[in-house]
Amino acid sequence: MAWSQDEERMLAQIEQHLVDDDPRLVARLESFNERARRSEERSAGGHAPSRSTVIIVISWFLIATLVATLLILVLREEASAALALTAA
């Protein structure tokens, strides 16, 4: 439903009063709107994942690899110790 001309005029007046009274608020809102617009464009355009997402995925992969390697080393050491005990 479209707004009436009176409602649009009142909103324009409120906006102008805010601009005059608190320019910092206006700057914050413009910054927020810009970030929201960029976020919408990324999600709508099938944009590639952000740098932080890639870094997190790589970090988890490296942590999993490290844990698997340590487990293999510990199990191998236990197996060789068990073989040494049975051979003796």
C-alpha atoms as a PDB file:
ATOM      1  CA  MET A   1       0.000   0.000   0.000  1.00  0.00           C
ATOM      2  CA  ALA A   2       1.430   3.360  -1.012  1.00  0.00           C
ATOM      3  CA  TRP A   3       1.778   6.165   1.491  1.00  0.00           C
ATOM      4  CA  SER A   4      -0.210   9.338   1.151  1.00  0.00           C
ATOM      5  CA  GLN A   5       1.467  12.606   0.250  1.00  0.00           C
ATOM      6  CA  ASP A   6       0.958  13.847   3.821  1.00  0.00           C
ATOM      7  CA  GLU A   7       2.720  10.794   5.233  1.00  0.00           C
ATOM      8  CA  GLU A   8       5.595  11.149   2.788  1.00  0.00           C
ATOM      9  CA  ARG A   9       5.903  14.857   3.644  1.00  0.00           C
ATOM     10  CA  MET A  10       5.952  14.096   7.392  1.00  0.00           C
ATOM     11  CA  LEU A  11       8.620  11.433   6.915  1.00  0.00           C
ATOM     12  CA  ALA A  12      10.726  13.845   4.874  1.00  0.00           C
ATOM     13  CA  GLN A  13      10.419  16.427   7.651  1.00  0.00           C
ATOM     14  CA  ILE A  14      11.407  13.883  10.301  1.00  0.00           C
ATOM     15  CA  GLU A  15      14.369  12.835   8.192  1.00  0.00           C
ATOM     16  CA  GLN A  16      15.486  16.428   7.737  1.00  0.00           C
ATOM     17  CA  HIS A  17      15.211  17.105  11.488  1.00  0.00           C
ATOM     18  CA  LEU A  18      17.332  14.016  12.211  1.00  0.00           C
ATOM     19  CA  VAL A  19      19.948  15.122   9.691  1.00  0.00           C
ATOM     20  CA  ASP A  20      20.066  18.568  11.263  1.00  0.00           C
ATOM     21  CA  ASP A  21      20.063  17.369  14.880  1.00  0.00           C
ATOM     22  CA  ASP A  22      22.350  14.316  14.776  1.00  0.00           C
ATOM     23  CA  PRO A  23      24.731  13.992  11.818  1.00  0.00           C
ATOM     24  CA  ARG A  24      26.579  11.129  13.581  1.00  0.00           C
ATOM     25  CA  LEU A  25      23.368   9.091  13.625  1.00  0.00           C
ATOM     26  CA  VAL A  26      22.901   9.765   9.918  1.00  0.00           C
ATOM     27  CA  ALA A  27      26.463   8.589   9.208  1.00  0.00           C
ATOM     28  CA  ARG A  28      25.887   5.422  11.226  1.00  0.00           C
ATOM     29  CA  LEU A  29      22.639   4.652   9.431  1.00  0.00           C
ATOM     30  CA  GLU A  30      24.218   5.237   6.032  1.00  0.00           C
ATOM     31  CA  SER A  31      27.095   2.938   6.972  1.00  0.00           C
ATOM     32  CA  PHE A  32      24.653   0.279   8.159  1.00  0.00           C
ATOM     33  CA  ASN A  33      22.603   0.573   4.976  1.00  0.00           C
ATOM     34  CA  GLU A  34      25.738   0.202   2.851  1.00  0.00           C
ATOM     35  CA  ARG A  35      26.818  -2.943   4.723  1.00  0.00           C
ATOM     36  CA  ALA A  36      23.320  -4.410   4.493  1.00  0.00           C
ATOM     37  CA  ARG A  37      23.211  -3.698   0.750  1.00  0.00           C
ATOM     38  CA  ARG A  38      26.599  -5.390   0.204  1.00  0.00           C
ATOM     39  CA  SER A  39      25.510  -8.372   2.277  1.00  0.00           C
ATOM     40  CA  GLU A  40      22.317  -8.739   0.235  1.00  0.00           C
ATOM     41  CA  GLU A  41      24.275  -8.531  -3.007  1.00  0.00           C
ATOM     42  CA  ARG A  42      26.666 -11.246  -1.833  1.00  0.00           C
ATOM     43  CA  SER A  43      23.901 -13.606  -0.776  1.00  0.00           C
ATOM     44  CA  ALA A  44      21.798 -12.998  -3.890  1.00  0.00           C
ATOM     45  CA  GLY A  45      24.634 -13.287  -6.387  1.00  0.00           C
ATOM     46  CA  GLY A  46      26.019 -16.618  -5.227  1.00  0.00           C
ATOM     47  CA  HIS A  47      29.177 -14.825  -4.200  1.00  0.00           C
ATOM     48  CA  ALA A  48      32.265 -16.777  -3.152  1.00  0.00           C
ATOM     49  CA  PRO A  49      32.730 -17.346   0.586  1.00  0.00           C
ATOM     50  CA  SER A  50      34.397 -14.577   2.545  1.00  0.00           C
ATOM     51  CA  ARG A  51      38.070 -14.677   3.458  1.00  0.00           C
ATOM     52  CA  SER A  52      37.299 -15.393   7.109  1.00  0.00           C
ATOM     53  CA  THR A  53      35.168 -18.413   6.153  1.00  0.00           C
ATOM     54  CA  VAL A  54      38.000 -19.828   4.055  1.00  0.00           C
ATOM     55  CA  ILE A  55      40.507 -19.275   6.861  1.00  0.00           C
ATOM     56  CA  ILE A  56      38.241 -21.027   9.374  1.00  0.00           C
ATOM     57  CA  VAL A  57      37.729 -24.033   7.072  1.00  0.00           C
ATOM     58  CA  ILE A  58      41.462 -24.356   6.434  1.00  0.00           C
ATOM     59  CA  SER A  59      42.189 -24.055  10.162  1.00  0.00           C
ATOM     60  CA  TRP A  60      39.749 -26.846  11.007  1.00  0.00           C
ATOM     61  CA  PHE A  61      41.260 -29.015   8.294  1.00  0.00           C
ATOM     62  CA  LEU A  62      44.760 -28.467   9.685  1.00  0.00           C
ATOM     63  CA  ILE A  63      43.616 -29.183  13.250  1.00  0.00           C
ATOM     64  CA  ALA A  64      41.927 -32.418  12.152  1.00  0.00           C
ATOM     65  CA  THR A  65      45.064 -33.454  10.259  1.00  0.00           C
ATOM     66  CA  LEU A  66      47.237 -32.743  13.300  1.00  0.00           C
ATOM     67  CA  VAL A  67      44.974 -34.745  15.623  1.00  0.00           C
ATOM     68  CA  ALA A  68      44.879 -37.686  13.183  1.00  0.00           C
ATOM     69  CA  THR A  69      48.689 -37.654  12.858  1.00  0.00           C
ATOM     70  CA  LEU A  70      49.159 -37.603  16.622  1.00  0.00           C
ATOM     71  CA  LEU A  71      46.729 -40.481  17.055  1.00  0.00           C
ATOM     72  CA  ILE A  72      48.575 -42.523  14.441  1.00  0.00           C
ATOM     73  CA  LEU A  73      51.907 -41.866  16.151  1.00  0.00           C
ATOM     74  CA  VAL A  74      50.571 -42.811  19.586  1.00  0.00           C
ATOM     75  CA  LEU A  75      48.904 -45.983  18.309  1.00  0.00           C
ATOM     76  CA  ARG A  76      52.030 -46.980  16.383  1.00  0.00           C
ATOM     77  CA  GLU A  77      54.151 -46.475  19.514  1.00  0.00           C
ATOM     78  CA  GLU A  78      51.758 -48.588  21.580  1.00  0.00           C
ATOM     79  CA  ALA A  79      51.784 -51.330  18.949  1.00  0.00           C
ATOM     80  CA  SER A  80      55.576 -51.427  18.815  1.00  0.00           C
ATOM     81  CA  ALA A  81      55.758 -51.519  22.630  1.00  0.00           C
ATOM     82  CA  ALA A  82      53.278 -54.408  22.700  1.00  0.00           C
ATOM     83  CA  LEU A  83      55.341 -56.288  20.064  1.00  0.00           C
ATOM     84  CA  ALA A  84      58.494 -55.783  22.108  1.00  0.00           C
ATOM     85  CA  LEU A  85      56.814 -57.194  25.215  1.00  0.00           C
ATOM     86  CA  THR A  86      55.490 -60.275  23.413  1.00  0.00           C
ATOM     87  CA  ALA A  87      58.866 -60.937  21.748  1.00  0.00           C
ATOM     88  CA  ALA A  88      60.681 -60.888  25.063  1.00  0.00           C
END
